[in-house]
Amino acid sequence: SGPTMASNVTNKTDPRSMNSRVFIGNLNTLVVKKSDVEAIFSKYGKIVGCSVHKGFAFVQYVNERNARAAVAGEDGRMIAGQVL
């Protein structure tokens, strides 16, 4: 992966990191890959971290404003047949 890829680190526990992190639940991770998650969520701001797990993912933004915008924009959206 090139230098534009976000890291896999989304588990920092400092308050700033936690406030700028988005939990993406009910994700069809059999179909949706890390690169897909980054492509969908990068329109809300610079993603510094993204981790995909079974059925869910986390996206770490630079700031809380990006995270809020992403939640507002993507909540309830259907991706790969499942509603986030």
PDB file of N, CA and C in Angstrom:
ATOM      1  N   SER A   1       0.832  -1.195   0.000  1.00  0.00           N
ATOM      2  CA  SER A   1       0.000   0.000   0.000  1.00  0.00           C
ATOM      3  C   SER A   1       0.867   1.245   0.000  1.00  0.00           C
ATOM      4  N   GLY A   2       0.412   2.291  -0.656  1.00  0.00           N
ATOM      5  CA  GLY A   2       1.194   3.514  -0.804  1.00  0.00           C
ATOM      6  C   GLY A   2       1.138   4.396   0.427  1.00  0.00           C
ATOM      7  N   PRO A   3       1.773   5.534   0.360  1.00  0.00           N
ATOM      8  CA  PRO A   3       1.857   6.427   1.517  1.00  0.00           C
ATOM      9  C   PRO A   3       0.543   7.099   1.897  1.00  0.00           C
ATOM     10  N   THR A   4      -0.460   7.032   1.030  1.00  0.00           N
ATOM     11  CA  THR A   4      -1.730   7.673   1.346  1.00  0.00           C
ATOM     12  C   THR A   4      -2.614   6.799   2.223  1.00  0.00           C
ATOM     13  N   MET A   5      -2.262   5.545   2.401  1.00  0.00           N
ATOM     14  CA  MET A   5      -3.087   4.647   3.208  1.00  0.00           C
ATOM     15  C   MET A   5      -3.026   5.030   4.682  1.00  0.00           C
ATOM     16  N   ALA A   6      -4.153   4.945   5.362  1.00  0.00           N
ATOM     17  CA  ALA A   6      -4.200   5.217   6.789  1.00  0.00           C
ATOM     18  C   ALA A   6      -3.596   4.041   7.542  1.00  0.00           C
ATOM     19  N   SER A   7      -3.131   4.324   8.727  1.00  0.00           N
ATOM     20  CA  SER A   7      -2.579   3.254   9.556  1.00  0.00           C
ATOM     21  C   SER A   7      -3.715   2.389  10.101  1.00  0.00           C
ATOM     22  N   ASN A   8      -3.347   1.301  10.766  1.00  0.00           N
ATOM     23  CA  ASN A   8      -4.342   0.426  11.379  1.00  0.00           C
ATOM     24  C   ASN A   8      -4.623   0.806  12.826  1.00  0.00           C
ATOM     25  N   VAL A   9      -4.010   1.875  13.301  1.00  0.00           N
ATOM     26  CA  VAL A   9      -4.138   2.231  14.707  1.00  0.00           C
ATOM     27  C   VAL A   9      -5.405   3.051  14.939  1.00  0.00           C
ATOM     28  N   THR A  10      -6.375   2.443  15.633  1.00  0.00           N
ATOM     29  CA  THR A  10      -7.611   3.163  15.960  1.00  0.00           C
ATOM     30  C   THR A  10      -7.961   2.933  17.425  1.00  0.00           C
ATOM     31  N   ASN A  11      -6.989   2.555  18.226  1.00  0.00           N
ATOM     32  CA  ASN A  11      -7.311   2.185  19.604  1.00  0.00           C
ATOM     33  C   ASN A  11      -6.622   3.065  20.631  1.00  0.00           C
ATOM     34  N   LYS A  12      -6.153   4.233  20.220  1.00  0.00           N
ATOM     35  CA  LYS A  12      -5.562   5.156  21.184  1.00  0.00           C
ATOM     36  C   LYS A  12      -6.642   5.607  22.158  1.00  0.00           C
ATOM     37  N   THR A  13      -6.260   5.776  23.409  1.00  0.00           N
ATOM     38  CA  THR A  13      -7.268   6.060  24.436  1.00  0.00           C
ATOM     39  C   THR A  13      -7.260   7.512  24.913  1.00  0.00           C
ATOM     40  N   ASP A  14      -6.421   8.372  24.318  1.00  0.00           N
ATOM     41  CA  ASP A  14      -6.483   9.768  24.735  1.00  0.00           C
ATOM     42  C   ASP A  14      -7.798  10.382  24.239  1.00  0.00           C
ATOM     43  N   PRO A  15      -8.353  11.323  25.017  1.00  0.00           N
ATOM     44  CA  PRO A  15      -9.697  11.853  24.697  1.00  0.00           C
ATOM     45  C   PRO A  15      -9.806  12.441  23.295  1.00  0.00           C
ATOM     46  N   ARG A  16      -8.772  13.107  22.827  1.00  0.00           N
ATOM     47  CA  ARG A  16      -8.835  13.719  21.503  1.00  0.00           C
ATOM     48  C   ARG A  16      -9.017  12.647  20.424  1.00  0.00           C
ATOM     49  N   SER A  17      -8.268  11.562  20.572  1.00  0.00           N
ATOM     50  CA  SER A  17      -8.389  10.469  19.601  1.00  0.00           C
ATOM     51  C   SER A  17      -9.761   9.821  19.668  1.00  0.00           C
ATOM     52  N   MET A  18     -10.247   9.625  20.884  1.00  0.00           N
ATOM     53  CA  MET A  18     -11.537   8.946  21.037  1.00  0.00           C
ATOM     54  C   MET A  18     -12.670   9.786  20.464  1.00  0.00           C
ATOM     55  N   ASN A  19     -12.592  11.106  20.628  1.00  0.00           N
ATOM     56  CA  ASN A  19     -13.656  11.981  20.117  1.00  0.00           C
ATOM     57  C   ASN A  19     -13.645  12.082  18.597  1.00  0.00           C
ATOM     58  N   SER A  20     -12.522  11.805  17.993  1.00  0.00           N
ATOM     59  CA  SER A  20     -12.438  11.918  16.532  1.00  0.00           C
ATOM     60  C   SER A  20     -12.468  10.548  15.853  1.00  0.00           C
ATOM     61  N   ARG A  21     -12.915   9.536  16.600  1.00  0.00           N
ATOM     62  CA  ARG A  21     -13.020   8.178  16.065  1.00  0.00           C
ATOM     63  C   ARG A  21     -14.479   7.855  15.783  1.00  0.00           C
ATOM     64  N   VAL A  22     -14.716   7.138  14.683  1.00  0.00           N
ATOM     65  CA  VAL A  22     -16.074   6.744  14.327  1.00  0.00           C
ATOM     66  C   VAL A  22     -16.174   5.222  14.336  1.00  0.00           C
ATOM     67  N   PHE A  23     -17.157   4.712  15.053  1.00  0.00           N
ATOM     68  CA  PHE A  23     -17.460   3.283  15.037  1.00  0.00           C
ATOM     69  C   PHE A  23     -18.488   3.030  13.945  1.00  0.00           C
ATOM     70  N   ILE A  24     -18.190   2.076  13.070  1.00  0.00           N
ATOM     71  CA  ILE A  24     -19.091   1.735  11.975  1.00  0.00           C
ATOM     72  C   ILE A  24     -19.605   0.321  12.225  1.00  0.00           C
ATOM     73  N   GLY A  25     -20.847   0.242  12.642  1.00  0.00           N
ATOM     74  CA  GLY A  25     -21.414  -1.058  12.997  1.00  0.00           C
ATOM     75  C   GLY A  25     -22.218  -1.677  11.867  1.00  0.00           C
ATOM     76  N   ASN A  26     -22.511  -2.979  12.014  1.00  0.00           N
ATOM     77  CA  ASN A  26     -23.305  -3.730  11.045  1.00  0.00           C
ATOM     78  C   ASN A  26     -22.711  -3.637   9.640  1.00  0.00           C
ATOM     79  N   LEU A  27     -21.400  -3.782   9.572  1.00  0.00           N
ATOM     80  CA  LEU A  27     -20.699  -3.664   8.294  1.00  0.00           C
ATOM     81  C   LEU A  27     -20.503  -5.052   7.690  1.00  0.00           C
ATOM     82  N   ASN A  28     -20.810  -5.183   6.404  1.00  0.00           N
ATOM     83  CA  ASN A  28     -20.643  -6.462   5.714  1.00  0.00           C
ATOM     84  C   ASN A  28     -19.161  -6.628   5.346  1.00  0.00           C
ATOM     85  N   THR A  29     -18.379  -7.078   6.312  1.00  0.00           N
ATOM     86  CA  THR A  29     -16.928  -7.141   6.117  1.00  0.00           C
ATOM     87  C   THR A  29     -16.480  -8.312   5.240  1.00  0.00           C
ATOM     88  N   LEU A  30     -17.409  -9.158   4.854  1.00  0.00           N
ATOM     89  CA  LEU A  30     -17.068 -10.177   3.852  1.00  0.00           C
ATOM     90  C   LEU A  30     -16.869  -9.525   2.490  1.00  0.00           C
ATOM     91  N   VAL A  31     -17.590  -8.415   2.277  1.00  0.00           N
ATOM     92  CA  VAL A  31     -17.570  -7.715   0.990  1.00  0.00           C
ATOM     93  C   VAL A  31     -16.748  -6.424   1.072  1.00  0.00           C
ATOM     94  N   VAL A  32     -16.947  -5.697   2.166  1.00  0.00           N
ATOM     95  CA  VAL A  32     -16.350  -4.371   2.298  1.00  0.00           C
ATOM     96  C   VAL A  32     -14.953  -4.474   2.910  1.00  0.00           C
ATOM     97  N   LYS A  33     -13.991  -3.925   2.226  1.00  0.00           N
ATOM     98  CA  LYS A  33     -12.602  -3.986   2.675  1.00  0.00           C
ATOM     99  C   LYS A  33     -12.171  -2.646   3.270  1.00  0.00           C
ATOM    100  N   LYS A  34     -10.997  -2.650   3.871  1.00  0.00           N
ATOM    101  CA  LYS A  34     -10.451  -1.427   4.470  1.00  0.00           C
ATOM    102  C   LYS A  34     -10.381  -0.293   3.459  1.00  0.00           C
ATOM    103  N   SER A  35      -9.960  -0.606   2.242  1.00  0.00           N
ATOM    104  CA  SER A  35      -9.852   0.441   1.213  1.00  0.00           C
ATOM    105  C   SER A  35     -11.225   1.022   0.868  1.00  0.00           C
ATOM    106  N   ASP A  36     -12.272   0.178   0.929  1.00  0.00           N
ATOM    107  CA  ASP A  36     -13.635   0.654   0.662  1.00  0.00           C
ATOM    108  C   ASP A  36     -14.092   1.599   1.774  1.00  0.00           C
ATOM    109  N   VAL A  37     -13.829   1.214   3.012  1.00  0.00           N
ATOM    110  CA  VAL A  37     -14.206   2.047   4.158  1.00  0.00           C
ATOM    111  C   VAL A  37     -13.523   3.406   4.049  1.00  0.00           C
ATOM    112  N   GLU A  38     -12.227   3.391   3.730  1.00  0.00           N
ATOM    113  CA  GLU A  38     -11.487   4.649   3.597  1.00  0.00           C
ATOM    114  C   GLU A  38     -12.049   5.498   2.458  1.00  0.00           C
ATOM    115  N   ALA A  39     -12.416   4.859   1.360  1.00  0.00           N
ATOM    116  CA  ALA A  39     -12.949   5.598   0.216  1.00  0.00           C
ATOM    117  C   ALA A  39     -14.278   6.270   0.573  1.00  0.00           C
ATOM    118  N   ILE A  40     -15.125   5.573   1.313  1.00  0.00           N
ATOM    119  CA  ILE A  40     -16.430   6.108   1.681  1.00  0.00           C
ATOM    120  C   ILE A  40     -16.283   7.253   2.681  1.00  0.00           C
ATOM    121  N   PHE A  41     -15.409   7.069   3.659  1.00  0.00           N
ATOM    122  CA  PHE A  41     -15.353   8.000   4.781  1.00  0.00           C
ATOM    123  C   PHE A  41     -14.330   9.125   4.612  1.00  0.00           C
ATOM    124  N   SER A  42     -13.474   9.028   3.604  1.00  0.00           N
ATOM    125  CA  SER A  42     -12.451  10.069   3.421  1.00  0.00           C
ATOM    126  C   SER A  42     -13.040  11.401   2.960  1.00  0.00           C
ATOM    127  N   LYS A  43     -14.283  11.365   2.459  1.00  0.00           N
ATOM    128  CA  LYS A  43     -14.870  12.628   2.011  1.00  0.00           C
ATOM    129  C   LYS A  43     -15.213  13.561   3.179  1.00  0.00           C
ATOM    130  N   TYR A  44     -15.190  13.047   4.383  1.00  0.00           N
ATOM    131  CA  TYR A  44     -15.502  13.861   5.559  1.00  0.00           C
ATOM    132  C   TYR A  44     -14.263  14.459   6.211  1.00  0.00           C
ATOM    133  N   GLY A  45     -13.100  14.049   5.763  1.00  0.00           N
ATOM    134  CA  GLY A  45     -11.882  14.582   6.355  1.00  0.00           C
ATOM    135  C   GLY A  45     -10.740  13.603   6.217  1.00  0.00           C
ATOM    136  N   LYS A  46      -9.561  14.037   6.630  1.00  0.00           N
ATOM    137  CA  LYS A  46      -8.372  13.189   6.530  1.00  0.00           C
ATOM    138  C   LYS A  46      -8.459  12.055   7.535  1.00  0.00           C
ATOM    139  N   ILE A  47      -8.349  10.834   7.030  1.00  0.00           N
ATOM    140  CA  ILE A  47      -8.374   9.647   7.882  1.00  0.00           C
ATOM    141  C   ILE A  47      -6.943   9.312   8.279  1.00  0.00           C
ATOM    142  N   VAL A  48      -6.706   9.240   9.573  1.00  0.00           N
ATOM    143  CA  VAL A  48      -5.364   8.892  10.042  1.00  0.00           C
ATOM    144  C   VAL A  48      -5.272   7.428  10.449  1.00  0.00           C
ATOM    145  N   GLY A  49      -6.414   6.795  10.676  1.00  0.00           N
ATOM    146  CA  GLY A  49      -6.405   5.385  11.022  1.00  0.00           C
ATOM    147  C   GLY A  49      -7.697   4.718  10.614  1.00  0.00           C
ATOM    148  N   CYS A  50      -7.598   3.452  10.224  1.00  0.00           N
ATOM    149  CA  CYS A  50      -8.794   2.701   9.854  1.00  0.00           C
ATOM    150  C   CYS A  50      -8.539   1.240  10.177  1.00  0.00           C
ATOM    151  N   SER A  51      -9.440   0.632  10.929  1.00  0.00           N
ATOM    152  CA  SER A  51      -9.303  -0.789  11.219  1.00  0.00           C
ATOM    153  C   SER A  51     -10.628  -1.480  10.965  1.00  0.00           C
ATOM    154  N   VAL A  52     -10.572  -2.594  10.260  1.00  0.00           N
ATOM    155  CA  VAL A  52     -11.774  -3.349   9.924  1.00  0.00           C
ATOM    156  C   VAL A  52     -11.739  -4.669  10.681  1.00  0.00           C
ATOM    157  N   HIS A  53     -12.835  -4.964  11.352  1.00  0.00           N
ATOM    158  CA  HIS A  53     -12.959  -6.178  12.151  1.00  0.00           C
ATOM    159  C   HIS A  53     -14.162  -6.947  11.631  1.00  0.00           C
ATOM    160  N   LYS A  54     -14.442  -8.087  12.215  1.00  0.00           N
ATOM    161  CA  LYS A  54     -15.564  -8.879  11.723  1.00  0.00           C
ATOM    162  C   LYS A  54     -16.884  -8.199  12.059  1.00  0.00           C
ATOM    163  N   GLY A  55     -17.537  -7.634  11.048  1.00  0.00           N
ATOM    164  CA  GLY A  55     -18.835  -7.013  11.236  1.00  0.00           C
ATOM    165  C   GLY A  55     -18.816  -5.540  11.605  1.00  0.00           C
ATOM    166  N   PHE A  56     -17.632  -4.977  11.804  1.00  0.00           N
ATOM    167  CA  PHE A  56     -17.574  -3.560  12.142  1.00  0.00           C
ATOM    168  C   PHE A  56     -16.214  -2.985  11.797  1.00  0.00           C
ATOM    169  N   ALA A  57     -16.123  -1.676  11.888  1.00  0.00           N
ATOM    170  CA  ALA A  57     -14.860  -1.004  11.607  1.00  0.00           C
ATOM    171  C   ALA A  57     -14.772   0.266  12.435  1.00  0.00           C
ATOM    172  N   PHE A  58     -13.551   0.772  12.535  1.00  0.00           N
ATOM    173  CA  PHE A  58     -13.322   2.068  13.156  1.00  0.00           C
ATOM    174  C   PHE A  58     -12.586   2.948  12.162  1.00  0.00           C
ATOM    175  N   VAL A  59     -12.952   4.218  12.130  1.00  0.00           N
ATOM    176  CA  VAL A  59     -12.216   5.200  11.337  1.00  0.00           C
ATOM    177  C   VAL A  59     -11.756   6.289  12.293  1.00  0.00           C
ATOM    178  N   GLN A  60     -10.468   6.599  12.233  1.00  0.00           N
ATOM    179  CA  GLN A  60      -9.893   7.647  13.077  1.00  0.00           C
ATOM    180  C   GLN A  60      -9.604   8.870  12.221  1.00  0.00           C
ATOM    181  N   TYR A  61     -10.247   9.970  12.571  1.00  0.00           N
ATOM    182  CA  TYR A  61     -10.029  11.228  11.854  1.00  0.00           C
ATOM    183  C   TYR A  61      -9.020  12.101  12.592  1.00  0.00           C
ATOM    184  N   VAL A  62      -8.633  13.190  11.929  1.00  0.00           N
ATOM    185  CA  VAL A  62      -7.739  14.161  12.551  1.00  0.00           C
ATOM    186  C   VAL A  62      -8.467  14.890  13.678  1.00  0.00           C
ATOM    187  N   ASN A  63      -9.720  15.238  13.457  1.00  0.00           N
ATOM    188  CA  ASN A  63     -10.431  15.969  14.505  1.00  0.00           C
ATOM    189  C   ASN A  63     -11.884  15.534  14.643  1.00  0.00           C
ATOM    190  N   GLU A  64     -12.477  16.012  15.730  1.00  0.00           N
ATOM    191  CA  GLU A  64     -13.828  15.602  16.106  1.00  0.00           C
ATOM    192  C   GLU A  64     -14.873  16.087  15.114  1.00  0.00           C
ATOM    193  N   ARG A  65     -14.633  17.249  14.491  1.00  0.00           N
ATOM    194  CA  ARG A  65     -15.580  17.786  13.520  1.00  0.00           C
ATOM    195  C   ARG A  65     -15.765  16.829  12.341  1.00  0.00           C
ATOM    196  N   ASN A  66     -14.644  16.255  11.865  1.00  0.00           N
ATOM    197  CA  ASN A  66     -14.704  15.275  10.776  1.00  0.00           C
ATOM    198  C   ASN A  66     -15.531  14.071  11.197  1.00  0.00           C
ATOM    199  N   ALA A  67     -15.295  13.604  12.406  1.00  0.00           N
ATOM    200  CA  ALA A  67     -15.983  12.415  12.903  1.00  0.00           C
ATOM    201  C   ALA A  67     -17.484  12.648  12.997  1.00  0.00           C
ATOM    202  N   ARG A  68     -17.864  13.824  13.514  1.00  0.00           N
ATOM    203  CA  ARG A  68     -19.292  14.148  13.626  1.00  0.00           C
ATOM    204  C   ARG A  68     -19.959  14.207  12.260  1.00  0.00           C
ATOM    205  N   ALA A  69     -19.255  14.801  11.304  1.00  0.00           N
ATOM    206  CA  ALA A  69     -19.798  14.915   9.946  1.00  0.00           C
ATOM    207  C   ALA A  69     -19.996  13.532   9.335  1.00  0.00           C
ATOM    208  N   ALA A  70     -19.040  12.636   9.574  1.00  0.00           N
ATOM    209  CA  ALA A  70     -19.125  11.284   9.027  1.00  0.00           C
ATOM    210  C   ALA A  70     -20.304  10.530   9.614  1.00  0.00           C
ATOM    211  N   VAL A  71     -20.489  10.648  10.919  1.00  0.00           N
ATOM    212  CA  VAL A  71     -21.612   9.976  11.574  1.00  0.00           C
ATOM    213  C   VAL A  71     -22.928  10.510  11.025  1.00  0.00           C
ATOM    214  N   ALA A  72     -23.026  11.836  10.908  1.00  0.00           N
ATOM    215  CA  ALA A  72     -24.255  12.453  10.412  1.00  0.00           C
ATOM    216  C   ALA A  72     -24.526  12.040   8.961  1.00  0.00           C
ATOM    217  N   GLY A  73     -23.466  11.924   8.169  1.00  0.00           N
ATOM    218  CA  GLY A  73     -23.634  11.648   6.749  1.00  0.00           C
ATOM    219  C   GLY A  73     -23.867  10.195   6.409  1.00  0.00           C
ATOM    220  N   GLU A  74     -23.311   9.291   7.215  1.00  0.00           N
ATOM    221  CA  GLU A  74     -23.350   7.873   6.844  1.00  0.00           C
ATOM    222  C   GLU A  74     -24.288   7.024   7.690  1.00  0.00           C
ATOM    223  N   ASP A  75     -24.784   7.548   8.799  1.00  0.00           N
ATOM    224  CA  ASP A  75     -25.656   6.756   9.658  1.00  0.00           C
ATOM    225  C   ASP A  75     -26.904   6.357   8.892  1.00  0.00           C
ATOM    226  N   GLY A  76     -27.201   5.080   8.869  1.00  0.00           N
ATOM    227  CA  GLY A  76     -28.388   4.590   8.175  1.00  0.00           C
ATOM    228  C   GLY A  76     -28.167   4.291   6.701  1.00  0.00           C
ATOM    229  N   ARG A  77     -26.967   4.565   6.211  1.00  0.00           N
ATOM    230  CA  ARG A  77     -26.675   4.289   4.803  1.00  0.00           C
ATOM    231  C   ARG A  77     -26.541   2.778   4.580  1.00  0.00           C
ATOM    232  N   MET A  78     -26.968   2.328   3.418  1.00  0.00           N
ATOM    233  CA  MET A  78     -26.814   0.914   3.105  1.00  0.00           C
ATOM    234  C   MET A  78     -25.548   0.673   2.298  1.00  0.00           C
ATOM    235  N   ILE A  79     -24.731  -0.214   2.796  1.00  0.00           N
ATOM    236  CA  ILE A  79     -23.504  -0.596   2.096  1.00  0.00           C
ATOM    237  C   ILE A  79     -23.469  -2.120   2.024  1.00  0.00           C
ATOM    238  N   ALA A  80     -23.329  -2.642   0.813  1.00  0.00           N
ATOM    239  CA  ALA A  80     -23.268  -4.089   0.585  1.00  0.00           C
ATOM    240  C   ALA A  80     -24.434  -4.805   1.259  1.00  0.00           C
ATOM    241  N   GLY A  81     -25.616  -4.211   1.147  1.00  0.00           N
ATOM    242  CA  GLY A  81     -26.837  -4.874   1.614  1.00  0.00           C
ATOM    243  C   GLY A  81     -27.116  -4.776   3.091  1.00  0.00           C
ATOM    244  N   GLN A  82     -26.281  -4.051   3.842  1.00  0.00           N
ATOM    245  CA  GLN A  82     -26.531  -3.908   5.278  1.00  0.00           C
ATOM    246  C   GLN A  82     -26.554  -2.418   5.643  1.00  0.00           C
ATOM    247  N   VAL A  83     -27.479  -2.083   6.543  1.00  0.00           N
ATOM    248  CA  VAL A  83     -27.612  -0.692   6.961  1.00  0.00           C
ATOM    249  C   VAL A  83     -26.639  -0.419   8.104  1.00  0.00           C
ATOM    250  N   LEU A  84     -25.834   0.603   7.959  1.00  0.00           N
ATOM    251  CA  LEU A  84     -24.841   0.965   8.976  1.00  0.00           C
ATOM    252  C   LEU A  84     -25.536   1.515  10.222  1.00  0.00           C
TER     253      LEU A  84
END
